[in-house]
Amino acid sequence: HLVESGGRLVQTGASLTLSCTASG
């Protein structure tokens, strides 16, 4: 089972980190 998080609205040039947790 995979669950992502971290997505959002940002401006050009910004940084963002997406995470995914795995279980099972």
mmCIF file of all heavy atoms, coordinates in Angstrom:
data_MODEL
# 
_entry.id   MODEL 
# 
loop_
_atom_site.group_PDB 
_atom_site.id 
_atom_site.type_symbol 
_atom_site.label_atom_id 
_atom_site.label_alt_id 
_atom_site.label_comp_id 
_atom_site.label_asym_id 
_atom_site.label_entity_id 
_atom_site.label_seq_id 
_atom_site.pdbx_PDB_ins_code 
_atom_site.Cartn_x 
_atom_site.Cartn_y 
_atom_site.Cartn_z 
_atom_site.occupancy 
_atom_site.B_iso_or_equiv 
_atom_site.pdbx_formal_charge 
_atom_site.auth_seq_id 
_atom_site.auth_comp_id 
_atom_site.auth_asym_id 
_atom_site.auth_atom_id 
_atom_site.pdbx_PDB_model_num 
ATOM 1   N N   . HIS A 1 1  ? 0.850  -1.185 0.000   1.00 0.00 ? 1  HIS A N   1 
ATOM 2   C CA  . HIS A 1 1  ? 0.000  0.000  0.000   1.00 0.00 ? 1  HIS A CA  1 
ATOM 3   C C   . HIS A 1 1  ? 0.887  1.236  0.000   1.00 0.00 ? 1  HIS A C   1 
ATOM 4   O O   . HIS A 1 1  ? 1.800  1.341  0.832   1.00 0.00 ? 1  HIS A O   1 
ATOM 5   C CB  . HIS A 1 1  ? -0.904 -0.009 1.228   1.00 0.00 ? 1  HIS A CB  1 
ATOM 6   C CG  . HIS A 1 1  ? -1.903 1.092  1.248   1.00 0.00 ? 1  HIS A CG  1 
ATOM 7   N ND1 . HIS A 1 1  ? -2.814 1.324  0.244   1.00 0.00 ? 1  HIS A ND1 1 
ATOM 8   C CD2 . HIS A 1 1  ? -2.136 2.062  2.174   1.00 0.00 ? 1  HIS A CD2 1 
ATOM 9   C CE1 . HIS A 1 1  ? -3.568 2.362  0.540   1.00 0.00 ? 1  HIS A CE1 1 
ATOM 10  N NE2 . HIS A 1 1  ? -3.176 2.839  1.713   1.00 0.00 ? 1  HIS A NE2 1 
ATOM 11  N N   . LEU A 1 2  ? 0.624  2.161  -0.921  1.00 0.00 ? 2  LEU A N   1 
ATOM 12  C CA  . LEU A 1 2  ? 1.433  3.366  -1.067  1.00 0.00 ? 2  LEU A CA  1 
ATOM 13  C C   . LEU A 1 2  ? 0.574  4.610  -0.849  1.00 0.00 ? 2  LEU A C   1 
ATOM 14  O O   . LEU A 1 2  ? -0.543 4.687  -1.375  1.00 0.00 ? 2  LEU A O   1 
ATOM 15  C CB  . LEU A 1 2  ? 2.052  3.427  -2.469  1.00 0.00 ? 2  LEU A CB  1 
ATOM 16  C CG  . LEU A 1 2  ? 2.904  2.236  -2.889  1.00 0.00 ? 2  LEU A CG  1 
ATOM 17  C CD1 . LEU A 1 2  ? 3.308  2.351  -4.353  1.00 0.00 ? 2  LEU A CD1 1 
ATOM 18  C CD2 . LEU A 1 2  ? 4.132  2.110  -2.009  1.00 0.00 ? 2  LEU A CD2 1 
ATOM 19  N N   . VAL A 1 3  ? 1.107  5.555  -0.114  1.00 0.00 ? 3  VAL A N   1 
ATOM 20  C CA  . VAL A 1 3  ? 0.388  6.803  0.132   1.00 0.00 ? 3  VAL A CA  1 
ATOM 21  C C   . VAL A 1 3  ? 1.337  7.966  -0.101  1.00 0.00 ? 3  VAL A C   1 
ATOM 22  O O   . VAL A 1 3  ? 2.375  8.068  0.559   1.00 0.00 ? 3  VAL A O   1 
ATOM 23  C CB  . VAL A 1 3  ? -0.165 6.862  1.567   1.00 0.00 ? 3  VAL A CB  1 
ATOM 24  C CG1 . VAL A 1 3  ? -0.872 8.203  1.792   1.00 0.00 ? 3  VAL A CG1 1 
ATOM 25  C CG2 . VAL A 1 3  ? -1.120 5.705  1.829   1.00 0.00 ? 3  VAL A CG2 1 
ATOM 26  N N   . GLU A 1 4  ? 0.951  8.850  -1.035  1.00 0.00 ? 4  GLU A N   1 
ATOM 27  C CA  . GLU A 1 4  ? 1.769  10.033 -1.321  1.00 0.00 ? 4  GLU A CA  1 
ATOM 28  C C   . GLU A 1 4  ? 1.282  11.224 -0.517  1.00 0.00 ? 4  GLU A C   1 
ATOM 29  O O   . GLU A 1 4  ? 0.111  11.286 -0.121  1.00 0.00 ? 4  GLU A O   1 
ATOM 30  C CB  . GLU A 1 4  ? 1.704  10.412 -2.808  1.00 0.00 ? 4  GLU A CB  1 
ATOM 31  C CG  . GLU A 1 4  ? 2.065  9.333  -3.786  1.00 0.00 ? 4  GLU A CG  1 
ATOM 32  C CD  . GLU A 1 4  ? 0.856  8.650  -4.346  1.00 0.00 ? 4  GLU A CD  1 
ATOM 33  O OE1 . GLU A 1 4  ? -0.189 8.627  -3.646  1.00 0.00 ? 4  GLU A OE1 1 
ATOM 34  O OE2 . GLU A 1 4  ? 0.918  8.135  -5.483  1.00 0.00 ? 4  GLU A OE2 1 
ATOM 35  N N   . SER A 1 5  ? 2.175  12.176 -0.334  1.00 0.00 ? 5  SER A N   1 
ATOM 36  C CA  . SER A 1 5  ? 1.805  13.436 0.302   1.00 0.00 ? 5  SER A CA  1 
ATOM 37  C C   . SER A 1 5  ? 2.781  14.515 -0.149  1.00 0.00 ? 5  SER A C   1 
ATOM 38  O O   . SER A 1 5  ? 3.857  14.217 -0.671  1.00 0.00 ? 5  SER A O   1 
ATOM 39  C CB  . SER A 1 5  ? 1.824  13.318 1.822   1.00 0.00 ? 5  SER A CB  1 
ATOM 40  O OG  . SER A 1 5  ? 3.126  12.999 2.276   1.00 0.00 ? 5  SER A OG  1 
ATOM 41  N N   . GLY A 1 6  ? 2.387  15.777 0.075   1.00 0.00 ? 6  GLY A N   1 
ATOM 42  C CA  . GLY A 1 6  ? 3.294  16.895 -0.179  1.00 0.00 ? 6  GLY A CA  1 
ATOM 43  C C   . GLY A 1 6  ? 2.935  17.771 -1.362  1.00 0.00 ? 6  GLY A C   1 
ATOM 44  O O   . GLY A 1 6  ? 3.501  18.850 -1.522  1.00 0.00 ? 6  GLY A O   1 
ATOM 45  N N   . GLY A 1 7  ? 2.007  17.344 -2.187  1.00 0.00 ? 7  GLY A N   1 
ATOM 46  C CA  . GLY A 1 7  ? 1.656  18.162 -3.337  1.00 0.00 ? 7  GLY A CA  1 
ATOM 47  C C   . GLY A 1 7  ? 0.871  19.407 -2.939  1.00 0.00 ? 7  GLY A C   1 
ATOM 48  O O   . GLY A 1 7  ? 0.074  19.379 -2.012  1.00 0.00 ? 7  GLY A O   1 
ATOM 49  N N   . ARG A 1 8  ? 1.140  20.515 -3.645  1.00 0.00 ? 8  ARG A N   1 
ATOM 50  C CA  . ARG A 1 8  ? 0.411  21.755 -3.397  1.00 0.00 ? 8  ARG A CA  1 
ATOM 51  C C   . ARG A 1 8  ? 0.684  22.739 -4.504  1.00 0.00 ? 8  ARG A C   1 
ATOM 52  O O   . ARG A 1 8  ? 1.413  22.447 -5.450  1.00 0.00 ? 8  ARG A O   1 
ATOM 53  C CB  . ARG A 1 8  ? 0.791  22.343 -2.043  1.00 0.00 ? 8  ARG A CB  1 
ATOM 54  C CG  . ARG A 1 8  ? 2.269  22.709 -1.889  1.00 0.00 ? 8  ARG A CG  1 
ATOM 55  C CD  . ARG A 1 8  ? 2.529  23.212 -0.475  1.00 0.00 ? 8  ARG A CD  1 
ATOM 56  N NE  . ARG A 1 8  ? 3.931  23.528 -0.253  1.00 0.00 ? 8  ARG A NE  1 
ATOM 57  C CZ  . ARG A 1 8  ? 4.453  24.735 -0.460  1.00 0.00 ? 8  ARG A CZ  1 
ATOM 58  N NH1 . ARG A 1 8  ? 3.692  25.714 -0.901  1.00 0.00 ? 8  ARG A NH1 1 
ATOM 59  N NH2 . ARG A 1 8  ? 5.733  24.958 -0.211  1.00 0.00 ? 8  ARG A NH2 1 
ATOM 60  N N   . LEU A 1 9  ? 0.109  23.923 -4.390  1.00 0.00 ? 9  LEU A N   1 
ATOM 61  C CA  . LEU A 1 9  ? 0.322  25.000 -5.341  1.00 0.00 ? 9  LEU A CA  1 
ATOM 62  C C   . LEU A 1 9  ? 1.567  25.796 -4.954  1.00 0.00 ? 9  LEU A C   1 
ATOM 63  O O   . LEU A 1 9  ? 1.683  26.228 -3.794  1.00 0.00 ? 9  LEU A O   1 
ATOM 64  C CB  . LEU A 1 9  ? -0.896 25.918 -5.356  1.00 0.00 ? 9  LEU A CB  1 
ATOM 65  C CG  . LEU A 1 9  ? -0.782 27.223 -6.160  1.00 0.00 ? 9  LEU A CG  1 
ATOM 66  C CD1 . LEU A 1 9  ? -0.633 26.937 -7.641  1.00 0.00 ? 9  LEU A CD1 1 
ATOM 67  C CD2 . LEU A 1 9  ? -2.002 28.103 -5.885  1.00 0.00 ? 9  LEU A CD2 1 
ATOM 68  N N   . VAL A 1 10 ? 2.476  25.956 -5.917  1.00 0.00 ? 10 VAL A N   1 
ATOM 69  C CA  . VAL A 1 10 ? 3.683  26.741 -5.684  1.00 0.00 ? 10 VAL A CA  1 
ATOM 70  C C   . VAL A 1 10 ? 3.921  27.645 -6.887  1.00 0.00 ? 10 VAL A C   1 
ATOM 71  O O   . VAL A 1 10 ? 3.333  27.465 -7.943  1.00 0.00 ? 10 VAL A O   1 
ATOM 72  C CB  . VAL A 1 10 ? 4.924  25.853 -5.456  1.00 0.00 ? 10 VAL A CB  1 
ATOM 73  C CG1 . VAL A 1 10 ? 4.778  25.021 -4.190  1.00 0.00 ? 10 VAL A CG1 1 
ATOM 74  C CG2 . VAL A 1 10 ? 5.192  24.964 -6.665  1.00 0.00 ? 10 VAL A CG2 1 
ATOM 75  N N   . GLN A 1 11 ? 4.852  28.587 -6.726  1.00 0.00 ? 11 GLN A N   1 
ATOM 76  C CA  . GLN A 1 11 ? 5.204  29.480 -7.823  1.00 0.00 ? 11 GLN A CA  1 
ATOM 77  C C   . GLN A 1 11 ? 6.405  28.945 -8.596  1.00 0.00 ? 11 GLN A C   1 
ATOM 78  O O   . GLN A 1 11 ? 7.177  28.119 -8.081  1.00 0.00 ? 11 GLN A O   1 
ATOM 79  C CB  . GLN A 1 11 ? 5.508  30.868 -7.280  1.00 0.00 ? 11 GLN A CB  1 
ATOM 80  C CG  . GLN A 1 11 ? 4.304  31.574 -6.683  1.00 0.00 ? 11 GLN A CG  1 
ATOM 81  C CD  . GLN A 1 11 ? 4.605  32.998 -6.280  1.00 0.00 ? 11 GLN A CD  1 
ATOM 82  O OE1 . GLN A 1 11 ? 5.741  33.334 -5.954  1.00 0.00 ? 11 GLN A OE1 1 
ATOM 83  N NE2 . GLN A 1 11 ? 3.579  33.842 -6.298  1.00 0.00 ? 11 GLN A NE2 1 
ATOM 84  N N   . THR A 1 12 ? 6.569  29.419 -9.800  1.00 0.00 ? 12 THR A N   1 
ATOM 85  C CA  . THR A 1 12 ? 7.730  29.051 -10.609 1.00 0.00 ? 12 THR A CA  1 
ATOM 86  C C   . THR A 1 12 ? 9.018  29.335 -9.846  1.00 0.00 ? 12 THR A C   1 
ATOM 87  O O   . THR A 1 12 ? 9.163  30.396 -9.234  1.00 0.00 ? 12 THR A O   1 
ATOM 88  C CB  . THR A 1 12 ? 7.731  29.836 -11.928 1.00 0.00 ? 12 THR A CB  1 
ATOM 89  O OG1 . THR A 1 12 ? 6.573  29.480 -12.685 1.00 0.00 ? 12 THR A OG1 1 
ATOM 90  C CG2 . THR A 1 12 ? 8.970  29.533 -12.750 1.00 0.00 ? 12 THR A CG2 1 
ATOM 91  N N   . GLY A 1 13 ? 9.914  28.361 -9.889  1.00 0.00 ? 13 GLY A N   1 
ATOM 92  C CA  . GLY A 1 13 ? 11.191 28.502 -9.214  1.00 0.00 ? 13 GLY A CA  1 
ATOM 93  C C   . GLY A 1 13 ? 11.217 27.969 -7.799  1.00 0.00 ? 13 GLY A C   1 
ATOM 94  O O   . GLY A 1 13 ? 12.292 27.861 -7.195  1.00 0.00 ? 13 GLY A O   1 
ATOM 95  N N   . ALA A 1 14 ? 10.066 27.626 -7.275  1.00 0.00 ? 14 ALA A N   1 
ATOM 96  C CA  . ALA A 1 14 ? 9.993  27.139 -5.900  1.00 0.00 ? 14 ALA A CA  1 
ATOM 97  C C   . ALA A 1 14 ? 10.480 25.695 -5.800  1.00 0.00 ? 14 ALA A C   1 
ATOM 98  O O   . ALA A 1 14 ? 10.702 25.010 -6.806  1.00 0.00 ? 14 ALA A O   1 
ATOM 99  C CB  . ALA A 1 14 ? 8.553  27.241 -5.395  1.00 0.00 ? 14 ALA A CB  1 
ATOM 100 N N   . SER A 1 15 ? 10.636 25.240 -4.572  1.00 0.00 ? 15 SER A N   1 
ATOM 101 C CA  . SER A 1 15 ? 11.005 23.850 -4.286  1.00 0.00 ? 15 SER A CA  1 
ATOM 102 C C   . SER A 1 15 ? 9.863  23.167 -3.549  1.00 0.00 ? 15 SER A C   1 
ATOM 103 O O   . SER A 1 15 ? 9.091  23.817 -2.834  1.00 0.00 ? 15 SER A O   1 
ATOM 104 C CB  . SER A 1 15 ? 12.277 23.791 -3.436  1.00 0.00 ? 15 SER A CB  1 
ATOM 105 O OG  . SER A 1 15 ? 13.389 24.308 -4.133  1.00 0.00 ? 15 SER A OG  1 
ATOM 106 N N   . LEU A 1 16 ? 9.802  21.861 -3.708  1.00 0.00 ? 16 LEU A N   1 
ATOM 107 C CA  . LEU A 1 16 ? 8.744  21.076 -3.079  1.00 0.00 ? 16 LEU A CA  1 
ATOM 108 C C   . LEU A 1 16 ? 9.252  19.654 -2.885  1.00 0.00 ? 16 LEU A C   1 
ATOM 109 O O   . LEU A 1 16 ? 9.991  19.143 -3.730  1.00 0.00 ? 16 LEU A O   1 
ATOM 110 C CB  . LEU A 1 16 ? 7.504  21.072 -3.974  1.00 0.00 ? 16 LEU A CB  1 
ATOM 111 C CG  . LEU A 1 16 ? 6.173  20.613 -3.403  1.00 0.00 ? 16 LEU A CG  1 
ATOM 112 C CD1 . LEU A 1 16 ? 5.752  21.515 -2.251  1.00 0.00 ? 16 LEU A CD1 1 
ATOM 113 C CD2 . LEU A 1 16 ? 5.107  20.614 -4.497  1.00 0.00 ? 16 LEU A CD2 1 
ATOM 114 N N   . THR A 1 17 ? 8.873  19.043 -1.773  1.00 0.00 ? 17 THR A N   1 
ATOM 115 C CA  . THR A 1 17 ? 9.264  17.654 -1.527  1.00 0.00 ? 17 THR A CA  1 
ATOM 116 C C   . THR A 1 17 ? 8.026  16.779 -1.438  1.00 0.00 ? 17 THR A C   1 
ATOM 117 O O   . THR A 1 17 ? 7.140  17.038 -0.622  1.00 0.00 ? 17 THR A O   1 
ATOM 118 C CB  . THR A 1 17 ? 10.070 17.522 -0.227  1.00 0.00 ? 17 THR A CB  1 
ATOM 119 O OG1 . THR A 1 17 ? 11.242 18.334 -0.305  1.00 0.00 ? 17 THR A OG1 1 
ATOM 120 C CG2 . THR A 1 17 ? 10.487 16.065 -0.014  1.00 0.00 ? 17 THR A CG2 1 
ATOM 121 N N   . LEU A 1 18 ? 7.969  15.770 -2.266  1.00 0.00 ? 18 LEU A N   1 
ATOM 122 C CA  . LEU A 1 18 ? 6.906  14.779 -2.204  1.00 0.00 ? 18 LEU A CA  1 
ATOM 123 C C   . LEU A 1 18 ? 7.402  13.572 -1.417  1.00 0.00 ? 18 LEU A C   1 
ATOM 124 O O   . LEU A 1 18 ? 8.569  13.196 -1.516  1.00 0.00 ? 18 LEU A O   1 
ATOM 125 C CB  . LEU A 1 18 ? 6.491  14.339 -3.600  1.00 0.00 ? 18 LEU A CB  1 
ATOM 126 C CG  . LEU A 1 18 ? 6.016  15.428 -4.572  1.00 0.00 ? 18 LEU A CG  1 
ATOM 127 C CD1 . LEU A 1 18 ? 5.567  14.791 -5.880  1.00 0.00 ? 18 LEU A CD1 1 
ATOM 128 C CD2 . LEU A 1 18 ? 4.901  16.242 -3.955  1.00 0.00 ? 18 LEU A CD2 1 
ATOM 129 N N   . SER A 1 19 ? 6.495  12.986 -0.642  1.00 0.00 ? 19 SER A N   1 
ATOM 130 C CA  . SER A 1 19 ? 6.839  11.796 0.131   1.00 0.00 ? 19 SER A CA  1 
ATOM 131 C C   . SER A 1 19 ? 5.870  10.677 -0.194  1.00 0.00 ? 19 SER A C   1 
ATOM 132 O O   . SER A 1 19 ? 4.717  10.916 -0.555  1.00 0.00 ? 19 SER A O   1 
ATOM 133 C CB  . SER A 1 19 ? 6.781  12.100 1.629   1.00 0.00 ? 19 SER A CB  1 
ATOM 134 O OG  . SER A 1 19 ? 7.729  13.084 1.975   1.00 0.00 ? 19 SER A OG  1 
ATOM 135 N N   . CYS A 1 20 ? 6.358  9.463  -0.035  1.00 0.00 ? 20 CYS A N   1 
ATOM 136 C CA  . CYS A 1 20 ? 5.532  8.271  -0.247  1.00 0.00 ? 20 CYS A CA  1 
ATOM 137 C C   . CYS A 1 20 ? 5.880  7.270  0.834   1.00 0.00 ? 20 CYS A C   1 
ATOM 138 O O   . CYS A 1 20 ? 7.051  6.945  1.017   1.00 0.00 ? 20 CYS A O   1 
ATOM 139 C CB  . CYS A 1 20 ? 5.802  7.684  -1.629  1.00 0.00 ? 20 CYS A CB  1 
ATOM 140 S SG  . CYS A 1 20 ? 4.992  6.105  -1.959  1.00 0.00 ? 20 CYS A SG  1 
ATOM 141 N N   . THR A 1 21 ? 4.878  6.821  1.549   1.00 0.00 ? 21 THR A N   1 
ATOM 142 C CA  . THR A 1 21 ? 5.099  5.787  2.547   1.00 0.00 ? 21 THR A CA  1 
ATOM 143 C C   . THR A 1 21 ? 4.558  4.463  2.026   1.00 0.00 ? 21 THR A C   1 
ATOM 144 O O   . THR A 1 21 ? 3.495  4.417  1.406   1.00 0.00 ? 21 THR A O   1 
ATOM 145 C CB  . THR A 1 21 ? 4.437  6.137  3.884   1.00 0.00 ? 21 THR A CB  1 
ATOM 146 O OG1 . THR A 1 21 ? 3.042  6.341  3.648   1.00 0.00 ? 21 THR A OG1 1 
ATOM 147 C CG2 . THR A 1 21 ? 5.028  7.407  4.447   1.00 0.00 ? 21 THR A CG2 1 
ATOM 148 N N   . ALA A 1 22 ? 5.295  3.401  2.304   1.00 0.00 ? 22 ALA A N   1 
ATOM 149 C CA  . ALA A 1 22 ? 4.915  2.067  1.858   1.00 0.00 ? 22 ALA A CA  1 
ATOM 150 C C   . ALA A 1 22 ? 4.621  1.183  3.050   1.00 0.00 ? 22 ALA A C   1 
ATOM 151 O O   . ALA A 1 22 ? 5.323  1.226  4.055   1.00 0.00 ? 22 ALA A O   1 
ATOM 152 C CB  . ALA A 1 22 ? 6.041  1.458  1.029   1.00 0.00 ? 22 ALA A CB  1 
ATOM 153 N N   . SER A 1 23 ? 3.590  0.383  2.942   1.00 0.00 ? 23 SER A N   1 
ATOM 154 C CA  . SER A 1 23 ? 3.250  -0.571 3.993   1.00 0.00 ? 23 SER A CA  1 
ATOM 155 C C   . SER A 1 23 ? 2.824  -1.882 3.352   1.00 0.00 ? 23 SER A C   1 
ATOM 156 O O   . SER A 1 23 ? 2.533  -1.940 2.164   1.00 0.00 ? 23 SER A O   1 
ATOM 157 C CB  . SER A 1 23 ? 2.137  -0.015 4.882   1.00 0.00 ? 23 SER A CB  1 
ATOM 158 O OG  . SER A 1 23 ? 0.969  0.227  4.123   1.00 0.00 ? 23 SER A OG  1 
ATOM 159 N N   . GLY A 1 24 ? 2.810  -2.927 4.161   1.00 0.00 ? 24 GLY A N   1 
ATOM 160 C CA  . GLY A 1 24 ? 2.450  -4.245 3.653   1.00 0.00 ? 24 GLY A CA  1 
ATOM 161 C C   . GLY A 1 24 ? 3.681  -5.074 3.336   1.00 0.00 ? 24 GLY A C   1 
ATOM 162 O O   . GLY A 1 24 ? 4.694  -4.984 4.030   1.00 0.00 ? 24 GLY A O   1 
# 
